[in-house]
Structure formats: C-alpha cells, structure tokens
C-alpha atoms as a PDB file:
ATOM      1  CA  MET A   1    -150.252-145.545 180.619  1.00  0.00           C
ATOM      2  CA  SER A   2    -146.741-145.501 178.929  1.00  0.00           C
ATOM      3  CA  ARG A   3    -144.715-142.394 178.329  1.00  0.00           C
ATOM      4  CA  ARG A   4    -144.427-141.183 174.757  1.00  0.00           C
ATOM      5  CA  ARG A   5    -141.102-141.206 173.148  1.00  0.00           C
ATOM      6  CA  ARG A   6    -139.935-137.763 172.104  1.00  0.00           C
ATOM      7  CA  ILE A   7    -139.499-137.445 168.427  1.00  0.00           C
ATOM      8  CA  MET A   8    -138.376-133.793 168.279  1.00  0.00           C
ATOM      9  CA  SER A   9    -135.834-132.316 170.687  1.00  0.00           C
ATOM     10  CA  ASP A  10    -136.992-129.261 172.548  1.00  0.00           C
ATOM     11  CA  ALA A  11    -134.215-127.219 170.827  1.00  0.00           C
ATOM     12  CA  LEU A  12    -135.664-128.083 167.500  1.00  0.00           C
ATOM     13  CA  LYS A  13    -139.249-127.274 168.518  1.00  0.00           C
ATOM     14  CA  TYR A  14    -138.028-123.855 169.899  1.00  0.00           C
ATOM     15  CA  GLU A  15    -136.118-123.254 166.553  1.00  0.00           C
ATOM     16  CA  PHE A  16    -139.405-123.852 164.567  1.00  0.00           C
ATOM     17  CA  ALA A  17    -141.343-121.732 167.049  1.00  0.00           C
ATOM     18  CA  LYS A  18    -138.870-118.848 166.561  1.00  0.00           C
ATOM     19  CA  GLU A  19    -139.108-119.238 162.659  1.00  0.00           C
ATOM     20  CA  LEU A  20    -142.946-119.086 162.946  1.00  0.00           C
ATOM     21  CA  GLY A  21    -142.946-116.118 165.257  1.00  0.00           C
ATOM     22  CA  VAL A  22    -144.593-117.923 168.154  1.00  0.00           C
ATOM     23  CA  LYS A  23    -141.592-118.245 170.456  1.00  0.00           C
ATOM     24  CA  GLU A  24    -142.767-115.534 172.824  1.00  0.00           C
ATOM     25  CA  THR A  25    -146.160-117.186 173.157  1.00  0.00           C
ATOM     26  CA  VAL A  26    -144.389-120.512 174.098  1.00  0.00           C
ATOM     27  CA  ASP A  27    -142.167-118.592 176.524  1.00  0.00           C
ATOM     28  CA  ARG A  28    -145.122-116.801 178.185  1.00  0.00           C
ATOM     29  CA  GLU A  29    -147.807-119.448 178.001  1.00  0.00           C
ATOM     30  CA  GLY A  30    -146.286-122.771 177.207  1.00  0.00           C
ATOM     31  CA  TRP A  31    -147.004-124.950 174.209  1.00  0.00           C
ATOM     32  CA  GLY A  32    -150.749-125.013 175.198  1.00  0.00           C
ATOM     33  CA  GLY A  33    -150.928-121.294 174.232  1.00  0.00           C
ATOM     34  CA  VAL A  34    -149.896-121.862 170.610  1.00  0.00           C
ATOM     35  CA  SER A  35    -152.905-122.083 168.192  1.00  0.00           C
ATOM     36  CA  SER A  36    -153.695-125.406 166.363  1.00  0.00           C
ATOM     37  CA  ARG A  37    -152.881-123.800 163.167  1.00  0.00           C
ATOM     38  CA  ASN A  38    -149.353-122.932 164.293  1.00  0.00           C
ATOM     39  CA  CYS A  39    -148.980-126.309 165.821  1.00  0.00           C
ATOM     40  CA  GLY A  40    -149.866-127.773 162.435  1.00  0.00           C
ATOM     41  CA  ASN A  41    -147.293-125.411 160.832  1.00  0.00           C
ATOM     42  CA  LEU A  42    -144.629-126.740 163.347  1.00  0.00           C
ATOM     43  CA  VAL A  43    -145.359-130.275 162.215  1.00  0.00           C
ATOM     44  CA  ARG A  44    -145.356-129.355 158.643  1.00  0.00           C
ATOM     45  CA  MET A  45    -141.960-127.724 159.101  1.00  0.00           C
ATOM     46  CA  ALA A  46    -140.555-130.771 160.860  1.00  0.00           C
ATOM     47  CA  ILE A  47    -141.793-133.028 158.107  1.00  0.00           C
ATOM     48  CA  GLU A  48    -140.231-130.910 155.404  1.00  0.00           C
ATOM     49  CA  ARG A  49    -136.980-130.748 157.186  1.00  0.00           C
ATOM     50  CA  ALA A  50    -136.843-134.605 157.736  1.00  0.00           C
ATOM     51  CA  GLU A  51    -137.725-135.163 154.082  1.00  0.00           C
ATOM     52  CA  LYS A  52    -134.952-132.811 153.012  1.00  0.00           C
ATOM     53  CA  SER A  53    -132.492-134.476 155.426  1.00  0.00           C
ATOM     54  CA  MET A  54    -133.457-137.941 154.178  1.00  0.00           C
ATOM     55  CA  ALA A  55    -133.172-136.789 150.549  1.00  0.00           C
ATOM     56  CA  GLN A  56    -129.646-135.298 151.148  1.00  0.00           C
ATOM     57  CA  SER A  57    -128.552-138.555 153.104  1.00  0.00           C
ATOM     58  CA  SER A  58    -129.845-140.664 150.255  1.00  0.00           C
ATOM     59  CA  ASP A  59    -128.014-138.501 147.601  1.00  0.00           C
ATOM     60  CA  PHE A  60    -124.850-138.754 149.575  1.00  0.00           C
ATOM     61  CA  LYS A  61    -125.080-142.641 149.749  1.00  0.00           C
ATOM     62  CA  THR A  62    -125.708-143.085 146.121  1.00  0.00           C
ATOM     63  CA  ASP A  63    -122.739-140.907 145.101  1.00  0.00           C
ATOM     64  CA  SER A  64    -120.197-142.912 146.726  1.00  0.00           C
END
C-alpha cells in the first residue's frame, strides 16, 4: 500500500485546530480524538482558505 501525500502541513492543521478550539484535544488525544464534525469543519476551513488564496492569486495575475 502506498503512502499518502500530505496535502496540508501539520502547522496549518494545528492552526485550524486552534481556531476551532480543538487544539487541546489534539494535544491530549491526537487527531483521533477530534469529532467527525470538527474534522469536517477543519476541511471546510482548508477549502475556504485555498479558494481565497486562489482567487487572490488569480486577481493578482489579471491586474498585471
């Protein structure tokens, strides 16, 4: 079985966990202790940030 490529850095995941208020759970129990709902919220935050970054990048390219 092949290893999965990491999409998000650990630093980014911890940043999202801190924003959601689950960082203490991650520190204490690991990522397995985070509820499915909060994991979904982490993914939603990552998608929103990626979309925002892509939109800003696209705006920058069209302005030049």
